[in-house]
PDB file of N, CA and C in Angstrom:
ATOM      1  N   MET A   1      66.519 -23.862  -6.789  1.00  0.00           N
ATOM      2  CA  MET A   1      65.796 -24.114  -8.007  1.00  0.00           C
ATOM      3  C   MET A   1      65.249 -22.786  -8.537  1.00  0.00           C
ATOM      4  N   ASN A   2      65.642 -22.396  -9.729  1.00  0.00           N
ATOM      5  CA  ASN A   2      65.140 -21.177 -10.357  1.00  0.00           C
ATOM      6  C   ASN A   2      63.842 -21.449 -11.089  1.00  0.00           C
ATOM      7  N   GLU A   3      62.859 -20.637 -10.791  1.00  0.00           N
ATOM      8  CA  GLU A   3      61.589 -20.771 -11.487  1.00  0.00           C
ATOM      9  C   GLU A   3      61.415 -19.597 -12.407  1.00  0.00           C
ATOM     10  N   THR A   4      60.953 -19.865 -13.608  1.00  0.00           N
ATOM     11  CA  THR A   4      60.690 -18.804 -14.564  1.00  0.00           C
ATOM     12  C   THR A   4      59.370 -18.148 -14.204  1.00  0.00           C
ATOM     13  N   PRO A   5      59.336 -16.804 -14.079  1.00  0.00           N
ATOM     14  CA  PRO A   5      58.079 -16.150 -13.741  1.00  0.00           C
ATOM     15  C   PRO A   5      57.041 -16.351 -14.835  1.00  0.00           C
ATOM     16  N   GLN A   6      55.811 -16.506 -14.412  1.00  0.00           N
ATOM     17  CA  GLN A   6      54.706 -16.663 -15.354  1.00  0.00           C
ATOM     18  C   GLN A   6      54.401 -15.326 -16.004  1.00  0.00           C
ATOM     19  N   THR A   7      54.240 -15.321 -17.293  1.00  0.00           N
ATOM     20  CA  THR A   7      53.812 -14.114 -17.986  1.00  0.00           C
ATOM     21  C   THR A   7      52.388 -14.348 -18.483  1.00  0.00           C
ATOM     22  N   THR A   8      51.648 -13.279 -18.502  1.00  0.00           N
ATOM     23  CA  THR A   8      50.269 -13.381 -18.943  1.00  0.00           C
ATOM     24  C   THR A   8      50.183 -12.881 -20.374  1.00  0.00           C
ATOM     25  N   SER A   9      49.706 -13.732 -21.238  1.00  0.00           N
ATOM     26  CA  SER A   9      49.513 -13.353 -22.616  1.00  0.00           C
ATOM     27  C   SER A   9      48.146 -12.677 -22.746  1.00  0.00           C
ATOM     28  N   VAL A  10      48.109 -11.548 -23.409  1.00  0.00           N
ATOM     29  CA  VAL A  10      46.881 -10.788 -23.561  1.00  0.00           C
ATOM     30  C   VAL A  10      46.553 -10.713 -25.039  1.00  0.00           C
ATOM     31  N   ASN A  11      45.339 -11.163 -25.384  1.00  0.00           N
ATOM     32  CA  ASN A  11      44.936 -11.038 -26.780  1.00  0.00           C
ATOM     33  C   ASN A  11      44.414  -9.636 -27.057  1.00  0.00           C
ATOM     34  N   GLU A  12      44.168  -9.331 -28.325  1.00  0.00           N
ATOM     35  CA  GLU A  12      43.779  -7.975 -28.719  1.00  0.00           C
ATOM     36  C   GLU A  12      42.463  -7.534 -28.067  1.00  0.00           C
ATOM     37  N   GLN A  13      41.495  -8.421 -28.001  1.00  0.00           N
ATOM     38  CA  GLN A  13      40.203  -8.058 -27.392  1.00  0.00           C
ATOM     39  C   GLN A  13      40.377  -7.753 -25.891  1.00  0.00           C
ATOM     40  N   GLU A  14      41.128  -8.585 -25.196  1.00  0.00           N
ATOM     41  CA  GLU A  14      41.377  -8.333 -23.773  1.00  0.00           C
ATOM     42  C   GLU A  14      42.139  -7.037 -23.572  1.00  0.00           C
ATOM     43  N   ALA A  15      43.120  -6.771 -24.415  1.00  0.00           N
ATOM     44  CA  ALA A  15      43.885  -5.527 -24.317  1.00  0.00           C
ATOM     45  C   ALA A  15      42.979  -4.325 -24.485  1.00  0.00           C
ATOM     46  N   THR A  16      42.045  -4.402 -25.429  1.00  0.00           N
ATOM     47  CA  THR A  16      41.100  -3.313 -25.647  1.00  0.00           C
ATOM     48  C   THR A  16      40.219  -3.109 -24.431  1.00  0.00           C
ATOM     49  N   LEU A  17      39.707  -4.203 -23.876  1.00  0.00           N
ATOM     50  CA  LEU A  17      38.820  -4.105 -22.709  1.00  0.00           C
ATOM     51  C   LEU A  17      39.544  -3.557 -21.486  1.00  0.00           C
ATOM     52  N   VAL A  18      40.793  -3.974 -21.286  1.00  0.00           N
ATOM     53  CA  VAL A  18      41.563  -3.452 -20.154  1.00  0.00           C
ATOM     54  C   VAL A  18      41.839  -1.962 -20.356  1.00  0.00           C
ATOM     55  N   ALA A  19      42.169  -1.574 -21.590  1.00  0.00           N
ATOM     56  CA  ALA A  19      42.388  -0.147 -21.883  1.00  0.00           C
ATOM     57  C   ALA A  19      41.129   0.660 -21.616  1.00  0.00           C
ATOM     58  N   GLU A  20      39.957   0.125 -21.977  1.00  0.00           N
ATOM     59  CA  GLU A  20      38.690   0.809 -21.713  1.00  0.00           C
ATOM     60  C   GLU A  20      38.433   0.925 -20.213  1.00  0.00           C
ATOM     61  N   LEU A  21      38.783  -0.122 -19.481  1.00  0.00           N
ATOM     62  CA  LEU A  21      38.612  -0.089 -18.035  1.00  0.00           C
ATOM     63  C   LEU A  21      39.483   1.007 -17.415  1.00  0.00           C
ATOM     64  N   PHE A  22      40.749   1.056 -17.814  1.00  0.00           N
ATOM     65  CA  PHE A  22      41.630   2.085 -17.283  1.00  0.00           C
ATOM     66  C   PHE A  22      41.190   3.471 -17.734  1.00  0.00           C
ATOM     67  N   SER A  23      40.614   3.565 -18.915  1.00  0.00           N
ATOM     68  CA  SER A  23      40.085   4.845 -19.390  1.00  0.00           C
ATOM     69  C   SER A  23      38.936   5.303 -18.483  1.00  0.00           C
ATOM     70  N   ALA A  24      38.096   4.362 -18.071  1.00  0.00           N
ATOM     71  CA  ALA A  24      36.980   4.693 -17.167  1.00  0.00           C
ATOM     72  C   ALA A  24      37.508   5.210 -15.829  1.00  0.00           C
ATOM     73  N   LEU A  25      38.685   4.767 -15.444  1.00  0.00           N
ATOM     74  CA  LEU A  25      39.286   5.189 -14.173  1.00  0.00           C
ATOM     75  C   LEU A  25      40.201   6.397 -14.340  1.00  0.00           C
ATOM     76  N   SER A  26      40.297   6.939 -15.551  1.00  0.00           N
ATOM     77  CA  SER A  26      41.230   8.026 -15.806  1.00  0.00           C
ATOM     78  C   SER A  26      40.720   9.399 -15.384  1.00  0.00           C
ATOM     79  N   ASP A  27      39.481   9.482 -14.967  1.00  0.00           N
ATOM     80  CA  ASP A  27      38.918  10.768 -14.535  1.00  0.00           C
ATOM     81  C   ASP A  27      38.918  10.825 -13.010  1.00  0.00           C
ATOM     82  N   PRO A  28      39.520  11.865 -12.414  1.00  0.00           N
ATOM     83  CA  PRO A  28      39.573  11.974 -10.956  1.00  0.00           C
ATOM     84  C   PRO A  28      38.196  11.938 -10.296  1.00  0.00           C
ATOM     85  N   SER A  29      37.177  12.491 -10.948  1.00  0.00           N
ATOM     86  CA  SER A  29      35.835  12.449 -10.358  1.00  0.00           C
ATOM     87  C   SER A  29      35.318  11.027 -10.250  1.00  0.00           C
ATOM     88  N   ARG A  30      35.622  10.209 -11.258  1.00  0.00           N
ATOM     89  CA  ARG A  30      35.185   8.806 -11.215  1.00  0.00           C
ATOM     90  C   ARG A  30      35.896   8.053 -10.096  1.00  0.00           C
ATOM     91  N   VAL A  31      37.167   8.361  -9.906  1.00  0.00           N
ATOM     92  CA  VAL A  31      37.895   7.726  -8.814  1.00  0.00           C
ATOM     93  C   VAL A  31      37.290   8.133  -7.472  1.00  0.00           C
ATOM     94  N   GLN A  32      36.942   9.411  -7.329  1.00  0.00           N
ATOM     95  CA  GLN A  32      36.317   9.889  -6.088  1.00  0.00           C
ATOM     96  C   GLN A  32      34.938   9.237  -5.888  1.00  0.00           C
ATOM     97  N   ILE A  33      34.190   9.063  -6.975  1.00  0.00           N
ATOM     98  CA  ILE A  33      32.881   8.397  -6.886  1.00  0.00           C
ATOM     99  C   ILE A  33      33.059   6.974  -6.392  1.00  0.00           C
ATOM    100  N   LEU A  34      34.002   6.243  -6.986  1.00  0.00           N
ATOM    101  CA  LEU A  34      34.244   4.863  -6.540  1.00  0.00           C
ATOM    102  C   LEU A  34      34.681   4.828  -5.086  1.00  0.00           C
ATOM    103  N   SER A  35      35.514   5.770  -4.699  1.00  0.00           N
ATOM    104  CA  SER A  35      35.958   5.843  -3.309  1.00  0.00           C
ATOM    105  C   SER A  35      34.770   6.057  -2.376  1.00  0.00           C
ATOM    106  N   ALA A  36      33.869   6.949  -2.745  1.00  0.00           N
ATOM    107  CA  ALA A  36      32.682   7.199  -1.932  1.00  0.00           C
ATOM    108  C   ALA A  36      31.813   5.946  -1.843  1.00  0.00           C
ATOM    109  N   LEU A  37      31.698   5.213  -2.947  1.00  0.00           N
ATOM    110  CA  LEU A  37      30.861   4.012  -2.963  1.00  0.00           C
ATOM    111  C   LEU A  37      31.478   2.871  -2.177  1.00  0.00           C
ATOM    112  N   MET A  38      32.771   2.962  -1.853  1.00  0.00           N
ATOM    113  CA  MET A  38      33.383   1.952  -1.002  1.00  0.00           C
ATOM    114  C   MET A  38      32.772   1.988   0.397  1.00  0.00           C
ATOM    115  N   GLN A  39      32.172   3.122   0.759  1.00  0.00           N
ATOM    116  CA  GLN A  39      31.536   3.262   2.077  1.00  0.00           C
ATOM    117  C   GLN A  39      30.117   2.693   2.099  1.00  0.00           C
ATOM    118  N   GLY A  40      29.537   2.465   0.909  1.00  0.00           N
ATOM    119  CA  GLY A  40      28.191   1.935   0.822  1.00  0.00           C
ATOM    120  C   GLY A  40      27.424   2.601  -0.305  1.00  0.00           C
ATOM    121  N   GLU A  41      26.201   2.122  -0.520  1.00  0.00           N
ATOM    122  CA  GLU A  41      25.431   2.652  -1.644  1.00  0.00           C
ATOM    123  C   GLU A  41      24.988   4.088  -1.405  1.00  0.00           C
ATOM    124  N   MET A  42      24.859   4.816  -2.524  1.00  0.00           N
ATOM    125  CA  MET A  42      24.478   6.234  -2.465  1.00  0.00           C
ATOM    126  C   MET A  42      23.671   6.566  -3.712  1.00  0.00           C
ATOM    127  N   ASN A  43      22.916   7.668  -3.622  1.00  0.00           N
ATOM    128  CA  ASN A  43      22.225   8.172  -4.795  1.00  0.00           C
ATOM    129  C   ASN A  43      23.054   9.281  -5.441  1.00  0.00           C
ATOM    130  N   VAL A  44      22.571   9.771  -6.586  1.00  0.00           N
ATOM    131  CA  VAL A  44      23.300  10.785  -7.328  1.00  0.00           C
ATOM    132  C   VAL A  44      23.521  12.041  -6.479  1.00  0.00           C
ATOM    133  N   GLY A  45      22.491  12.450  -5.744  1.00  0.00           N
ATOM    134  CA  GLY A  45      22.607  13.655  -4.917  1.00  0.00           C
ATOM    135  C   GLY A  45      23.701  13.540  -3.882  1.00  0.00           C
ATOM    136  N   GLY A  46      23.776  12.406  -3.216  1.00  0.00           N
ATOM    137  CA  GLY A  46      24.813  12.192  -2.210  1.00  0.00           C
ATOM    138  C   GLY A  46      26.200  12.186  -2.819  1.00  0.00           C
ATOM    139  N   LEU A  47      26.322  11.540  -3.987  1.00  0.00           N
ATOM    140  CA  LEU A  47      27.614  11.504  -4.670  1.00  0.00           C
ATOM    141  C   LEU A  47      28.027  12.885  -5.143  1.00  0.00           C
ATOM    142  N   ALA A  48      27.058  13.647  -5.673  1.00  0.00           N
ATOM    143  CA  ALA A  48      27.356  15.001  -6.150  1.00  0.00           C
ATOM    144  C   ALA A  48      27.874  15.866  -5.010  1.00  0.00           C
ATOM    145  N   GLU A  49      27.264  15.726  -3.853  1.00  0.00           N
ATOM    146  CA  GLU A  49      27.687  16.517  -2.680  1.00  0.00           C
ATOM    147  C   GLU A  49      29.105  16.151  -2.248  1.00  0.00           C
ATOM    148  N   ILE A  50      29.376  14.862  -2.187  1.00  0.00           N
ATOM    149  CA  ILE A  50      30.707  14.398  -1.742  1.00  0.00           C
ATOM    150  C   ILE A  50      31.797  14.791  -2.740  1.00  0.00           C
ATOM    151  N   VAL A  51      31.534  14.583  -4.024  1.00  0.00           N
ATOM    152  CA  VAL A  51      32.554  14.819  -5.043  1.00  0.00           C
ATOM    153  C   VAL A  51      32.644  16.303  -5.413  1.00  0.00           C
ATOM    154  N   GLY A  52      31.556  17.028  -5.201  1.00  0.00           N
ATOM    155  CA  GLY A  52      31.562  18.458  -5.493  1.00  0.00           C
ATOM    156  C   GLY A  52      31.320  18.785  -6.951  1.00  0.00           C
ATOM    157  N   ILE A  53      30.495  17.953  -7.616  1.00  0.00           N
ATOM    158  CA  ILE A  53      30.143  18.200  -9.014  1.00  0.00           C
ATOM    159  C   ILE A  53      28.620  18.144  -9.128  1.00  0.00           C
ATOM    160  N   SER A  54      28.104  18.538 -10.275  1.00  0.00           N
ATOM    161  CA  SER A  54      26.664  18.593 -10.483  1.00  0.00           C
ATOM    162  C   SER A  54      26.044  17.194 -10.569  1.00  0.00           C
ATOM    163  N   HIS A  55      24.731  17.139 -10.369  1.00  0.00           N
ATOM    164  CA  HIS A  55      24.010  15.878 -10.509  1.00  0.00           C
ATOM    165  C   HIS A  55      24.170  15.320 -11.913  1.00  0.00           C
ATOM    166  N   SER A  56      24.084  16.190 -12.924  1.00  0.00           N
ATOM    167  CA  SER A  56      24.208  15.708 -14.302  1.00  0.00           C
ATOM    168  C   SER A  56      25.607  15.160 -14.584  1.00  0.00           C
ATOM    169  N   ALA A  57      26.625  15.758 -13.989  1.00  0.00           N
ATOM    170  CA  ALA A  57      27.995  15.250 -14.164  1.00  0.00           C
ATOM    171  C   ALA A  57      28.145  13.886 -13.505  1.00  0.00           C
ATOM    172  N   VAL A  58      27.555  13.721 -12.313  1.00  0.00           N
ATOM    173  CA  VAL A  58      27.604  12.405 -11.650  1.00  0.00           C
ATOM    174  C   VAL A  58      26.906  11.378 -12.524  1.00  0.00           C
ATOM    175  N   SER A  59      25.725  11.691 -13.034  1.00  0.00           N
ATOM    176  CA  SER A  59      24.972  10.756 -13.886  1.00  0.00           C
ATOM    177  C   SER A  59      25.803  10.364 -15.110  1.00  0.00           C
ATOM    178  N   HIS A  60      26.477  11.331 -15.707  1.00  0.00           N
ATOM    179  CA  HIS A  60      27.335  11.057 -16.859  1.00  0.00           C
ATOM    180  C   HIS A  60      28.450  10.075 -16.487  1.00  0.00           C
ATOM    181  N   HIS A  61      29.096  10.321 -15.368  1.00  0.00           N
ATOM    182  CA  HIS A  61      30.166   9.424 -14.928  1.00  0.00           C
ATOM    183  C   HIS A  61      29.635   8.045 -14.581  1.00  0.00           C
ATOM    184  N   MET A  62      28.439   7.989 -14.006  1.00  0.00           N
ATOM    185  CA  MET A  62      27.874   6.694 -13.621  1.00  0.00           C
ATOM    186  C   MET A  62      27.609   5.826 -14.846  1.00  0.00           C
ATOM    187  N   ARG A  63      27.220   6.444 -15.962  1.00  0.00           N
ATOM    188  CA  ARG A  63      27.006   5.671 -17.197  1.00  0.00           C
ATOM    189  C   ARG A  63      28.296   4.950 -17.588  1.00  0.00           C
ATOM    190  N   HIS A  64      29.419   5.665 -17.544  1.00  0.00           N
ATOM    191  CA  HIS A  64      30.704   5.037 -17.882  1.00  0.00           C
ATOM    192  C   HIS A  64      31.058   3.920 -16.898  1.00  0.00           C
ATOM    193  N   LEU A  65      30.872   4.179 -15.630  1.00  0.00           N
ATOM    194  CA  LEU A  65      31.208   3.181 -14.612  1.00  0.00           C
ATOM    195  C   LEU A  65      30.306   1.958 -14.707  1.00  0.00           C
ATOM    196  N   ARG A  66      29.036   2.155 -15.051  1.00  0.00           N
ATOM    197  CA  ARG A  66      28.126   1.012 -15.240  1.00  0.00           C
ATOM    198  C   ARG A  66      28.529   0.208 -16.457  1.00  0.00           C
ATOM    199  N   GLN A  67      28.894   0.894 -17.546  1.00  0.00           N
ATOM    200  CA  GLN A  67      29.308   0.201 -18.774  1.00  0.00           C
ATOM    201  C   GLN A  67      30.497  -0.717 -18.513  1.00  0.00           C
ATOM    202  N   MET A  68      31.368  -0.294 -17.628  1.00  0.00           N
ATOM    203  CA  MET A  68      32.549  -1.094 -17.321  1.00  0.00           C
ATOM    204  C   MET A  68      32.305  -2.069 -16.169  1.00  0.00           C
ATOM    205  N   ARG A  69      31.045  -2.152 -15.732  1.00  0.00           N
ATOM    206  CA  ARG A  69      30.622  -3.065 -14.669  1.00  0.00           C
ATOM    207  C   ARG A  69      31.365  -2.808 -13.351  1.00  0.00           C
ATOM    208  N   LEU A  70      31.676  -1.533 -13.109  1.00  0.00           N
ATOM    209  CA  LEU A  70      32.298  -1.168 -11.835  1.00  0.00           C
ATOM    210  C   LEU A  70      31.245  -0.828 -10.782  1.00  0.00           C
ATOM    211  N   VAL A  71      30.075  -0.373 -11.232  1.00  0.00           N
ATOM    212  CA  VAL A  71      28.972  -0.062 -10.333  1.00  0.00           C
ATOM    213  C   VAL A  71      27.690  -0.702 -10.851  1.00  0.00           C
ATOM    214  N   ARG A  72      26.741  -0.856  -9.951  1.00  0.00           N
ATOM    215  CA  ARG A  72      25.407  -1.337 -10.330  1.00  0.00           C
ATOM    216  C   ARG A  72      24.368  -0.490  -9.623  1.00  0.00           C
ATOM    217  N   THR A  73      23.137  -0.629 -10.052  1.00  0.00           N
ATOM    218  CA  THR A  73      22.066   0.199  -9.506  1.00  0.00           C
ATOM    219  C   THR A  73      21.030  -0.652  -8.785  1.00  0.00           C
ATOM    220  N   ARG A  74      20.305   0.032  -7.892  1.00  0.00           N
ATOM    221  CA  ARG A  74      19.145  -0.568  -7.220  1.00  0.00           C
ATOM    222  C   ARG A  74      18.086   0.523  -7.182  1.00  0.00           C
ATOM    223  N   LYS A  75      16.892   0.189  -7.679  1.00  0.00           N
ATOM    224  CA  LYS A  75      15.800   1.152  -7.658  1.00  0.00           C
ATOM    225  C   LYS A  75      14.935   0.928  -6.441  1.00  0.00           C
ATOM    226  N   ASP A  76      14.521   2.034  -5.844  1.00  0.00           N
ATOM    227  CA  ASP A  76      13.591   2.015  -4.718  1.00  0.00           C
ATOM    228  C   ASP A  76      12.555   3.095  -5.013  1.00  0.00           C
ATOM    229  N   GLY A  77      11.460   2.682  -5.639  1.00  0.00           N
ATOM    230  CA  GLY A  77      10.475   3.657  -6.097  1.00  0.00           C
ATOM    231  C   GLY A  77      11.071   4.490  -7.208  1.00  0.00           C
ATOM    232  N   ARG A  78      11.064   5.809  -7.019  1.00  0.00           N
ATOM    233  CA  ARG A  78      11.635   6.707  -8.026  1.00  0.00           C
ATOM    234  C   ARG A  78      13.115   6.957  -7.798  1.00  0.00           C
ATOM    235  N   HIS A  79      13.664   6.438  -6.735  1.00  0.00           N
ATOM    236  CA  HIS A  79      15.059   6.693  -6.387  1.00  0.00           C
ATOM    237  C   HIS A  79      15.957   5.564  -6.909  1.00  0.00           C
ATOM    238  N   VAL A  80      17.142   5.972  -7.366  1.00  0.00           N
ATOM    239  CA  VAL A  80      18.141   5.014  -7.847  1.00  0.00           C
ATOM    240  C   VAL A  80      19.364   5.123  -6.946  1.00  0.00           C
ATOM    241  N   TYR A  81      19.820   3.987  -6.457  1.00  0.00           N
ATOM    242  CA  TYR A  81      20.993   3.934  -5.596  1.00  0.00           C
ATOM    243  C   TYR A  81      22.098   3.169  -6.314  1.00  0.00           C
ATOM    244  N   TYR A  82      23.322   3.620  -6.126  1.00  0.00           N
ATOM    245  CA  TYR A  82      24.483   3.013  -6.763  1.00  0.00           C
ATOM    246  C   TYR A  82      25.366   2.368  -5.703  1.00  0.00           C
ATOM    247  N   CYS A  83      26.010   1.271  -6.113  1.00  0.00           N
ATOM    248  CA  CYS A  83      27.009   0.622  -5.253  1.00  0.00           C
ATOM    249  C   CYS A  83      28.053  -0.002  -6.148  1.00  0.00           C
ATOM    250  N   LEU A  84      29.157  -0.390  -5.551  1.00  0.00           N
ATOM    251  CA  LEU A  84      30.181  -1.112  -6.319  1.00  0.00           C
ATOM    252  C   LEU A  84      29.577  -2.423  -6.802  1.00  0.00           C
ATOM    253  N   ASP A  85      29.900  -2.812  -8.012  1.00  0.00           N
ATOM    254  CA  ASP A  85      29.326  -4.025  -8.589  1.00  0.00           C
ATOM    255  C   ASP A  85      29.838  -5.270  -7.869  1.00  0.00           C
ATOM    256  N   ASP A  86      31.102  -5.285  -7.544  1.00  0.00           N
ATOM    257  CA  ASP A  86      31.692  -6.416  -6.824  1.00  0.00           C
ATOM    258  C   ASP A  86      33.026  -5.963  -6.230  1.00  0.00           C
ATOM    259  N   GLU A  87      33.754  -6.882  -5.697  1.00  0.00           N
ATOM    260  CA  GLU A  87      35.017  -6.548  -5.028  1.00  0.00           C
ATOM    261  C   GLU A  87      36.125  -6.138  -6.001  1.00  0.00           C
ATOM    262  N   HIS A  88      35.951  -6.428  -7.294  1.00  0.00           N
ATOM    263  CA  HIS A  88      36.992  -6.048  -8.254  1.00  0.00           C
ATOM    264  C   HIS A  88      37.203  -4.539  -8.298  1.00  0.00           C
ATOM    265  N   GLY A  89      36.121  -3.775  -8.242  1.00  0.00           N
ATOM    266  CA  GLY A  89      36.234  -2.305  -8.243  1.00  0.00           C
ATOM    267  C   GLY A  89      37.008  -1.813  -7.032  1.00  0.00           C
ATOM    268  N   ARG A  90      36.676  -2.380  -5.884  1.00  0.00           N
ATOM    269  CA  ARG A  90      37.379  -2.014  -4.638  1.00  0.00           C
ATOM    270  C   ARG A  90      38.866  -2.387  -4.753  1.00  0.00           C
ATOM    271  N   ASP A  91      39.137  -3.579  -5.274  1.00  0.00           N
ATOM    272  CA  ASP A  91      40.524  -4.034  -5.428  1.00  0.00           C
ATOM    273  C   ASP A  91      41.312  -3.131  -6.384  1.00  0.00           C
ATOM    274  N   LEU A  92      40.679  -2.751  -7.496  1.00  0.00           N
ATOM    275  CA  LEU A  92      41.354  -1.864  -8.451  1.00  0.00           C
ATOM    276  C   LEU A  92      41.719  -0.534  -7.812  1.00  0.00           C
ATOM    277  N   LEU A  93      40.768   0.060  -7.081  1.00  0.00           N
ATOM    278  CA  LEU A  93      41.037   1.334  -6.436  1.00  0.00           C
ATOM    279  C   LEU A  93      42.096   1.183  -5.357  1.00  0.00           C
ATOM    280  N   ASP A  94      41.974   0.135  -4.545  1.00  0.00           N
ATOM    281  CA  ASP A  94      42.983  -0.102  -3.503  1.00  0.00           C
ATOM    282  C   ASP A  94      44.382  -0.266  -4.098  1.00  0.00           C
ATOM    283  N   ARG A  95      44.482  -1.054  -5.168  1.00  0.00           N
ATOM    284  CA  ARG A  95      45.779  -1.280  -5.820  1.00  0.00           C
ATOM    285  C   ARG A  95      46.330   0.020  -6.411  1.00  0.00           C
ATOM    286  N   GLY A  96      45.451   0.805  -7.037  1.00  0.00           N
ATOM    287  CA  GLY A  96      45.893   2.081  -7.606  1.00  0.00           C
ATOM    288  C   GLY A  96      46.417   3.013  -6.540  1.00  0.00           C
ATOM    289  N   LEU A  97      45.700   3.099  -5.415  1.00  0.00           N
ATOM    290  CA  LEU A  97      46.145   3.963  -4.309  1.00  0.00           C
ATOM    291  C   LEU A  97      47.456   3.452  -3.717  1.00  0.00           C
ATOM    292  N   GLU A  98      47.562   2.141  -3.589  1.00  0.00           N
ATOM    293  CA  GLU A  98      48.804   1.544  -3.077  1.00  0.00           C
ATOM    294  C   GLU A  98      49.971   1.904  -4.006  1.00  0.00           C
ATOM    295  N   HIS A  99      49.734   1.851  -5.282  1.00  0.00           N
ATOM    296  CA  HIS A  99      50.782   2.143  -6.266  1.00  0.00           C
ATOM    297  C   HIS A  99      51.235   3.609  -6.187  1.00  0.00           C
ATOM    298  N   VAL A 100      50.274   4.552  -6.142  1.00  0.00           N
ATOM    299  CA  VAL A 100      50.670   5.963  -6.129  1.00  0.00           C
ATOM    300  C   VAL A 100      51.224   6.403  -4.782  1.00  0.00           C
ATOM    301  N   ARG A 101      50.867   5.710  -3.706  1.00  0.00           N
ATOM    302  CA  ARG A 101      51.375   6.066  -2.381  1.00  0.00           C
ATOM    303  C   ARG A 101      52.729   5.424  -2.085  1.00  0.00           C
ATOM    304  N   HIS A 102      53.101   4.423  -2.865  1.00  0.00           N
ATOM    305  CA  HIS A 102      54.363   3.711  -2.653  1.00  0.00           C
ATOM    306  C   HIS A 102      55.522   4.596  -3.102  1.00  0.00           C
ATOM    307  N   ARG A 103      56.476   4.777  -2.246  1.00  0.00           N
ATOM    308  CA  ARG A 103      57.653   5.613  -2.576  1.00  0.00           C
ATOM    309  C   ARG A 103      58.895   4.811  -2.334  1.00  0.00           C
TER     310      ARG A 103
END
């Protein structure tokens, strides 16, 4: 029995949102930030050290990642900690790595 594969229809708004999501992932520093956050929550200083960029650059990238709901924040006094918003961010990064490593 031959089954026709299901195709997903994407409307214009969804296409725009997906393009914005991929745009948020188009910067190598953002990918490294997400990778670091897969290990657990971190503050800007810890992320800056791991990724090797300035605190202000990390903060700039975090704004984009928060807008796309890939990360969320938790405040503890004056300190702000970041973590992955949910498993979708982890899945996106895992799938991307799987794709580029596949030969």
